[in-house]
N, C-alpha and C. Protein backbone atom coordinates (compact mmCIF):
# COMPACT_ATOMS: atom_id res chain seq x y z
N MET A 1 -243.24 18.54 66.46
CA MET A 1 -244.20 17.80 65.66
C MET A 1 -244.64 18.67 64.48
N ALA A 2 -244.57 18.10 63.28
CA ALA A 2 -244.97 18.82 62.08
C ALA A 2 -246.48 19.06 62.09
N THR A 3 -246.89 20.17 61.52
CA THR A 3 -248.31 20.51 61.43
C THR A 3 -248.91 19.93 60.15
N ILE A 4 -250.23 19.98 60.07
CA ILE A 4 -250.91 19.53 58.85
C ILE A 4 -250.44 20.35 57.66
N GLU A 5 -250.28 21.64 57.84
CA GLU A 5 -249.83 22.51 56.75
C GLU A 5 -248.42 22.14 56.29
N GLU A 6 -247.53 21.83 57.24
CA GLU A 6 -246.16 21.44 56.87
C GLU A 6 -246.16 20.10 56.13
N CYS A 7 -247.01 19.20 56.54
CA CYS A 7 -247.11 17.90 55.87
C CYS A 7 -247.66 18.07 54.45
N ARG A 8 -248.67 18.90 54.30
CA ARG A 8 -249.22 19.16 52.96
C ARG A 8 -248.16 19.81 52.07
N ALA A 9 -247.41 20.75 52.62
CA ALA A 9 -246.34 21.40 51.86
C ALA A 9 -245.26 20.39 51.46
N ALA A 10 -244.96 19.44 52.34
CA ALA A 10 -243.97 18.40 52.02
C ALA A 10 -244.48 17.53 50.88
N LEU A 11 -245.76 17.18 50.89
CA LEU A 11 -246.33 16.38 49.79
C LEU A 11 -246.31 17.16 48.48
N GLU A 12 -246.56 18.46 48.55
CA GLU A 12 -246.51 19.30 47.34
C GLU A 12 -245.08 19.37 46.80
N LYS A 13 -244.10 19.46 47.71
CA LYS A 13 -242.70 19.49 47.29
C LYS A 13 -242.31 18.15 46.67
N LEU A 14 -242.76 17.05 47.28
CA LEU A 14 -242.49 15.72 46.72
C LEU A 14 -243.07 15.61 45.31
N SER A 15 -244.29 16.11 45.14
CA SER A 15 -244.93 16.07 43.84
C SER A 15 -244.12 16.88 42.81
N ALA A 16 -243.67 18.06 43.20
CA ALA A 16 -242.86 18.89 42.30
C ALA A 16 -241.56 18.18 41.93
N ASN A 17 -240.92 17.54 42.91
CA ASN A 17 -239.70 16.80 42.64
C ASN A 17 -239.95 15.67 41.65
N MET A 18 -241.07 14.99 41.82
CA MET A 18 -241.42 13.89 40.92
C MET A 18 -241.64 14.40 39.50
N ARG A 19 -242.29 15.54 39.37
CA ARG A 19 -242.58 16.10 38.04
C ARG A 19 -241.31 16.50 37.29
N HIS A 20 -240.23 16.79 38.01
CA HIS A 20 -238.97 17.19 37.38
C HIS A 20 -238.00 16.03 37.21
N ALA A 21 -238.43 14.82 37.55
CA ALA A 21 -237.56 13.64 37.45
C ALA A 21 -237.34 13.26 36.00
N GLU A 22 -236.29 12.51 35.77
CA GLU A 22 -235.96 12.05 34.43
C GLU A 22 -235.71 10.55 34.44
N GLY A 23 -235.70 9.94 33.26
CA GLY A 23 -235.35 8.53 33.11
C GLY A 23 -236.29 7.57 33.81
N ASP A 24 -235.69 6.57 34.50
CA ASP A 24 -236.47 5.54 35.18
C ASP A 24 -237.35 6.12 36.27
N VAL A 25 -236.86 7.16 36.92
CA VAL A 25 -237.65 7.79 38.00
C VAL A 25 -238.90 8.43 37.41
N ALA A 26 -238.76 9.10 36.28
CA ALA A 26 -239.91 9.72 35.62
C ALA A 26 -240.92 8.66 35.19
N ALA A 27 -240.42 7.54 34.70
CA ALA A 27 -241.32 6.45 34.28
C ALA A 27 -242.09 5.90 35.48
N ALA A 28 -241.42 5.75 36.60
CA ALA A 28 -242.09 5.25 37.81
C ALA A 28 -243.11 6.26 38.32
N ALA A 29 -242.78 7.54 38.23
CA ALA A 29 -243.67 8.59 38.71
C ALA A 29 -244.90 8.77 37.82
N SER A 30 -244.87 8.22 36.63
CA SER A 30 -245.97 8.42 35.69
C SER A 30 -247.15 7.47 35.92
N MET A 31 -247.09 6.65 36.96
CA MET A 31 -248.20 5.74 37.25
C MET A 31 -249.47 6.54 37.55
N ASP A 32 -250.60 5.92 37.33
CA ASP A 32 -251.89 6.52 37.68
C ASP A 32 -252.53 5.63 38.74
N ARG A 33 -252.38 6.05 40.01
CA ARG A 33 -252.85 5.25 41.13
C ARG A 33 -253.44 6.14 42.22
N SER A 34 -254.38 5.60 42.97
CA SER A 34 -254.86 6.31 44.16
C SER A 34 -253.77 6.21 45.23
N VAL A 35 -253.64 7.28 46.03
CA VAL A 35 -252.58 7.36 47.03
C VAL A 35 -253.15 7.91 48.33
N SER A 36 -252.65 7.36 49.44
CA SER A 36 -252.97 7.95 50.73
C SER A 36 -251.68 8.04 51.55
N CYS A 37 -251.61 9.06 52.36
CA CYS A 37 -250.47 9.25 53.25
C CYS A 37 -251.01 9.53 54.64
N ARG A 38 -250.96 8.52 55.49
CA ARG A 38 -251.48 8.63 56.85
C ARG A 38 -250.39 9.18 57.76
N ILE A 39 -250.72 10.25 58.47
CA ILE A 39 -249.79 10.88 59.41
C ILE A 39 -250.25 10.48 60.81
N THR A 40 -249.52 9.55 61.41
CA THR A 40 -249.97 8.91 62.64
C THR A 40 -250.08 9.87 63.82
N ASP A 41 -249.12 10.78 63.98
CA ASP A 41 -249.14 11.65 65.15
C ASP A 41 -250.21 12.74 65.06
N LEU A 42 -250.69 13.03 63.86
CA LEU A 42 -251.75 14.02 63.68
C LEU A 42 -253.12 13.35 63.50
N ASP A 43 -253.12 12.04 63.32
CA ASP A 43 -254.34 11.26 63.08
C ASP A 43 -255.13 11.81 61.89
N VAL A 44 -254.39 12.08 60.80
CA VAL A 44 -255.02 12.52 59.54
C VAL A 44 -254.42 11.71 58.40
N THR A 45 -255.18 11.67 57.31
CA THR A 45 -254.71 11.01 56.10
C THR A 45 -254.94 11.94 54.92
N PHE A 46 -253.87 12.16 54.16
CA PHE A 46 -253.98 12.91 52.91
C PHE A 46 -254.35 11.90 51.84
N VAL A 47 -255.40 12.20 51.09
CA VAL A 47 -255.92 11.29 50.08
C VAL A 47 -255.80 11.98 48.73
N GLY A 48 -255.32 11.24 47.75
CA GLY A 48 -255.18 11.85 46.43
C GLY A 48 -254.88 10.82 45.37
N ARG A 49 -254.16 11.29 44.36
CA ARG A 49 -253.89 10.45 43.19
C ARG A 49 -252.49 10.75 42.68
N MET A 50 -251.76 9.70 42.35
CA MET A 50 -250.50 9.85 41.63
C MET A 50 -250.88 9.84 40.16
N THR A 51 -250.67 10.97 39.51
CA THR A 51 -251.06 11.12 38.11
C THR A 51 -250.25 12.24 37.48
N GLY A 52 -250.02 12.14 36.19
CA GLY A 52 -249.31 13.20 35.50
C GLY A 52 -247.89 13.40 35.99
N GLY A 53 -247.30 12.37 36.58
CA GLY A 53 -245.93 12.47 37.05
C GLY A 53 -245.78 13.04 38.45
N GLY A 54 -246.89 13.32 39.13
CA GLY A 54 -246.83 13.88 40.48
C GLY A 54 -247.96 13.35 41.34
N ILE A 55 -248.13 13.98 42.48
CA ILE A 55 -249.20 13.59 43.41
C ILE A 55 -250.15 14.77 43.57
N VAL A 56 -251.42 14.51 43.39
CA VAL A 56 -252.45 15.53 43.60
C VAL A 56 -253.21 15.16 44.87
N VAL A 57 -253.07 15.99 45.91
CA VAL A 57 -253.80 15.76 47.16
C VAL A 57 -255.18 16.34 47.00
N ARG A 58 -256.20 15.50 47.15
CA ARG A 58 -257.57 15.94 46.94
C ARG A 58 -258.33 16.21 48.22
N ASP A 59 -257.89 15.58 49.32
CA ASP A 59 -258.63 15.72 50.57
C ASP A 59 -257.74 15.36 51.74
N THR A 60 -258.12 15.85 52.90
CA THR A 60 -257.48 15.49 54.16
C THR A 60 -258.60 15.00 55.06
N VAL A 61 -258.48 13.75 55.53
CA VAL A 61 -259.54 13.17 56.35
C VAL A 61 -258.99 12.84 57.73
N LYS A 62 -259.84 12.93 58.72
CA LYS A 62 -259.50 12.55 60.08
C LYS A 62 -259.42 11.04 60.16
N GLY A 63 -258.36 10.51 60.76
CA GLY A 63 -258.20 9.07 60.90
C GLY A 63 -257.88 8.41 59.58
N SER A 64 -258.38 7.21 59.40
CA SER A 64 -258.14 6.44 58.18
C SER A 64 -259.25 6.71 57.17
N PRO A 65 -258.93 6.72 55.88
CA PRO A 65 -259.97 6.94 54.88
C PRO A 65 -260.90 5.74 54.77
N LYS A 66 -262.09 5.96 54.25
CA LYS A 66 -263.06 4.87 54.08
C LYS A 66 -262.60 3.87 53.04
N GLU A 67 -262.00 4.36 51.96
CA GLU A 67 -261.55 3.49 50.88
C GLU A 67 -260.04 3.32 50.96
N LYS A 68 -259.57 2.12 50.68
CA LYS A 68 -258.15 1.81 50.71
C LYS A 68 -257.51 2.23 49.39
N ALA A 69 -256.50 3.08 49.45
CA ALA A 69 -255.80 3.54 48.25
C ALA A 69 -254.90 2.42 47.71
N GLN A 70 -254.56 2.52 46.44
CA GLN A 70 -253.68 1.52 45.82
C GLN A 70 -252.27 1.62 46.36
N ILE A 71 -251.83 2.83 46.70
CA ILE A 71 -250.52 3.05 47.31
C ILE A 71 -250.75 3.77 48.62
N ARG A 72 -250.27 3.16 49.72
CA ARG A 72 -250.53 3.71 51.06
C ARG A 72 -249.22 3.91 51.81
N LEU A 73 -249.01 5.12 52.28
CA LEU A 73 -247.87 5.45 53.13
C LEU A 73 -248.37 5.76 54.53
N THR A 74 -247.60 5.37 55.54
CA THR A 74 -247.94 5.67 56.92
C THR A 74 -246.66 6.08 57.63
N MET A 75 -246.70 7.22 58.33
CA MET A 75 -245.53 7.71 59.05
C MET A 75 -245.91 8.88 59.93
N ALA A 76 -244.99 9.33 60.75
CA ALA A 76 -245.18 10.54 61.55
C ALA A 76 -244.93 11.75 60.65
N GLY A 77 -245.52 12.88 61.02
CA GLY A 77 -245.38 14.09 60.24
C GLY A 77 -243.93 14.55 60.10
N ASP A 78 -243.18 14.50 61.19
CA ASP A 78 -241.76 14.90 61.13
C ASP A 78 -240.98 14.02 60.17
N ASP A 79 -241.32 12.74 60.10
CA ASP A 79 -240.64 11.83 59.17
C ASP A 79 -240.96 12.17 57.72
N LEU A 80 -242.20 12.54 57.43
CA LEU A 80 -242.56 12.96 56.07
C LEU A 80 -241.75 14.17 55.66
N VAL A 81 -241.71 15.17 56.52
CA VAL A 81 -240.96 16.40 56.22
C VAL A 81 -239.48 16.07 56.02
N ALA A 82 -238.91 15.24 56.90
CA ALA A 82 -237.50 14.88 56.80
C ALA A 82 -237.20 14.08 55.54
N LEU A 83 -238.10 13.17 55.15
CA LEU A 83 -237.91 12.39 53.92
C LEU A 83 -237.84 13.31 52.71
N VAL A 84 -238.78 14.22 52.62
CA VAL A 84 -238.85 15.09 51.45
C VAL A 84 -237.67 16.07 51.42
N ASP A 85 -237.24 16.53 52.59
CA ASP A 85 -236.12 17.48 52.65
C ASP A 85 -234.76 16.80 52.54
N GLY A 86 -234.73 15.46 52.53
CA GLY A 86 -233.47 14.74 52.37
C GLY A 86 -232.77 14.41 53.68
N GLY A 87 -233.40 14.70 54.81
CA GLY A 87 -232.79 14.43 56.10
C GLY A 87 -233.03 13.03 56.61
N LEU A 88 -233.87 12.25 55.93
CA LEU A 88 -234.18 10.89 56.35
C LEU A 88 -234.15 9.99 55.12
N ASN A 89 -233.37 8.94 55.19
CA ASN A 89 -233.24 7.98 54.10
C ASN A 89 -234.45 7.04 54.11
N PHE A 90 -235.15 6.94 52.97
CA PHE A 90 -236.36 6.12 52.91
C PHE A 90 -236.08 4.67 53.27
N ALA A 91 -235.05 4.08 52.68
CA ALA A 91 -234.78 2.66 52.91
C ALA A 91 -234.53 2.38 54.39
N LYS A 92 -233.76 3.23 55.04
CA LYS A 92 -233.48 3.04 56.46
C LYS A 92 -234.75 3.24 57.30
N ALA A 93 -235.54 4.25 56.95
CA ALA A 93 -236.78 4.52 57.69
C ALA A 93 -237.77 3.38 57.51
N TRP A 94 -237.86 2.85 56.29
CA TRP A 94 -238.75 1.73 56.02
C TRP A 94 -238.27 0.48 56.75
N GLY A 95 -236.96 0.22 56.69
CA GLY A 95 -236.39 -0.95 57.34
C GLY A 95 -236.55 -0.94 58.86
N SER A 96 -236.54 0.27 59.44
CA SER A 96 -236.67 0.38 60.90
C SER A 96 -238.13 0.46 61.34
N GLY A 97 -239.05 0.55 60.38
CA GLY A 97 -240.48 0.62 60.71
C GLY A 97 -241.01 2.02 60.92
N ARG A 98 -240.17 3.03 60.72
CA ARG A 98 -240.64 4.41 60.88
C ARG A 98 -241.59 4.81 59.75
N VAL A 99 -241.39 4.21 58.59
CA VAL A 99 -242.24 4.47 57.42
C VAL A 99 -242.79 3.15 56.94
N LYS A 100 -244.08 3.15 56.64
CA LYS A 100 -244.74 1.94 56.12
C LYS A 100 -245.24 2.25 54.72
N LEU A 101 -244.96 1.37 53.78
CA LEU A 101 -245.42 1.50 52.40
C LEU A 101 -246.16 0.23 52.04
N GLU A 102 -247.40 0.39 51.59
CA GLU A 102 -248.21 -0.75 51.17
C GLU A 102 -248.71 -0.50 49.75
N ALA A 103 -248.56 -1.50 48.91
CA ALA A 103 -249.03 -1.43 47.53
C ALA A 103 -248.97 -2.83 46.95
N GLY A 104 -249.56 -2.98 45.79
CA GLY A 104 -249.47 -4.26 45.09
C GLY A 104 -248.03 -4.52 44.65
N LEU A 105 -247.69 -5.76 44.42
CA LEU A 105 -246.33 -6.14 44.07
C LEU A 105 -245.82 -5.40 42.84
N ARG A 106 -246.62 -5.33 41.81
CA ARG A 106 -246.20 -4.64 40.58
C ARG A 106 -245.92 -3.16 40.86
N ASP A 107 -246.77 -2.51 41.66
CA ASP A 107 -246.55 -1.11 42.01
C ASP A 107 -245.29 -0.94 42.86
N LEU A 108 -245.07 -1.86 43.80
CA LEU A 108 -243.87 -1.79 44.63
C LEU A 108 -242.61 -1.88 43.78
N LEU A 109 -242.62 -2.75 42.79
CA LEU A 109 -241.46 -2.87 41.91
C LEU A 109 -241.20 -1.59 41.13
N ARG A 110 -242.25 -0.94 40.70
CA ARG A 110 -242.07 0.35 39.98
C ARG A 110 -241.69 1.47 40.92
N LEU A 111 -242.28 1.47 42.12
CA LEU A 111 -242.00 2.53 43.09
C LEU A 111 -240.57 2.51 43.60
N ARG A 112 -239.93 1.37 43.60
CA ARG A 112 -238.57 1.30 44.12
C ARG A 112 -237.63 2.23 43.35
N LYS A 113 -237.96 2.55 42.12
CA LYS A 113 -237.14 3.48 41.32
C LYS A 113 -237.27 4.91 41.86
N LEU A 114 -238.39 5.21 42.50
CA LEU A 114 -238.58 6.54 43.09
C LEU A 114 -237.81 6.69 44.39
N LEU A 115 -237.55 5.58 45.04
CA LEU A 115 -236.96 5.60 46.36
C LEU A 115 -235.50 5.42 46.26
């Protein structure tokens, strides 16, 4: 089971990857939205903002956050680490229910370029 520190490091790596993206991926990453990433097996949620082409994690809260973010991810810690490291395909993980992504329709359409 991934630790909170490993999950935070995975989110930082994801953010760095997004900042170095080009073309359509860079355009999708440039959204300015609130973001949360709930890690079910650790019962924590990383709360932050997608801004400046990356993700800035501002806080880690126990359980679910009080406010609903515009873009919400839910998964196990090991799945987050595997997604960022390339060992888990997002589409397959989402299709099988291992990863949950919630956002408005317009955001989902833009986010698909990142995935």
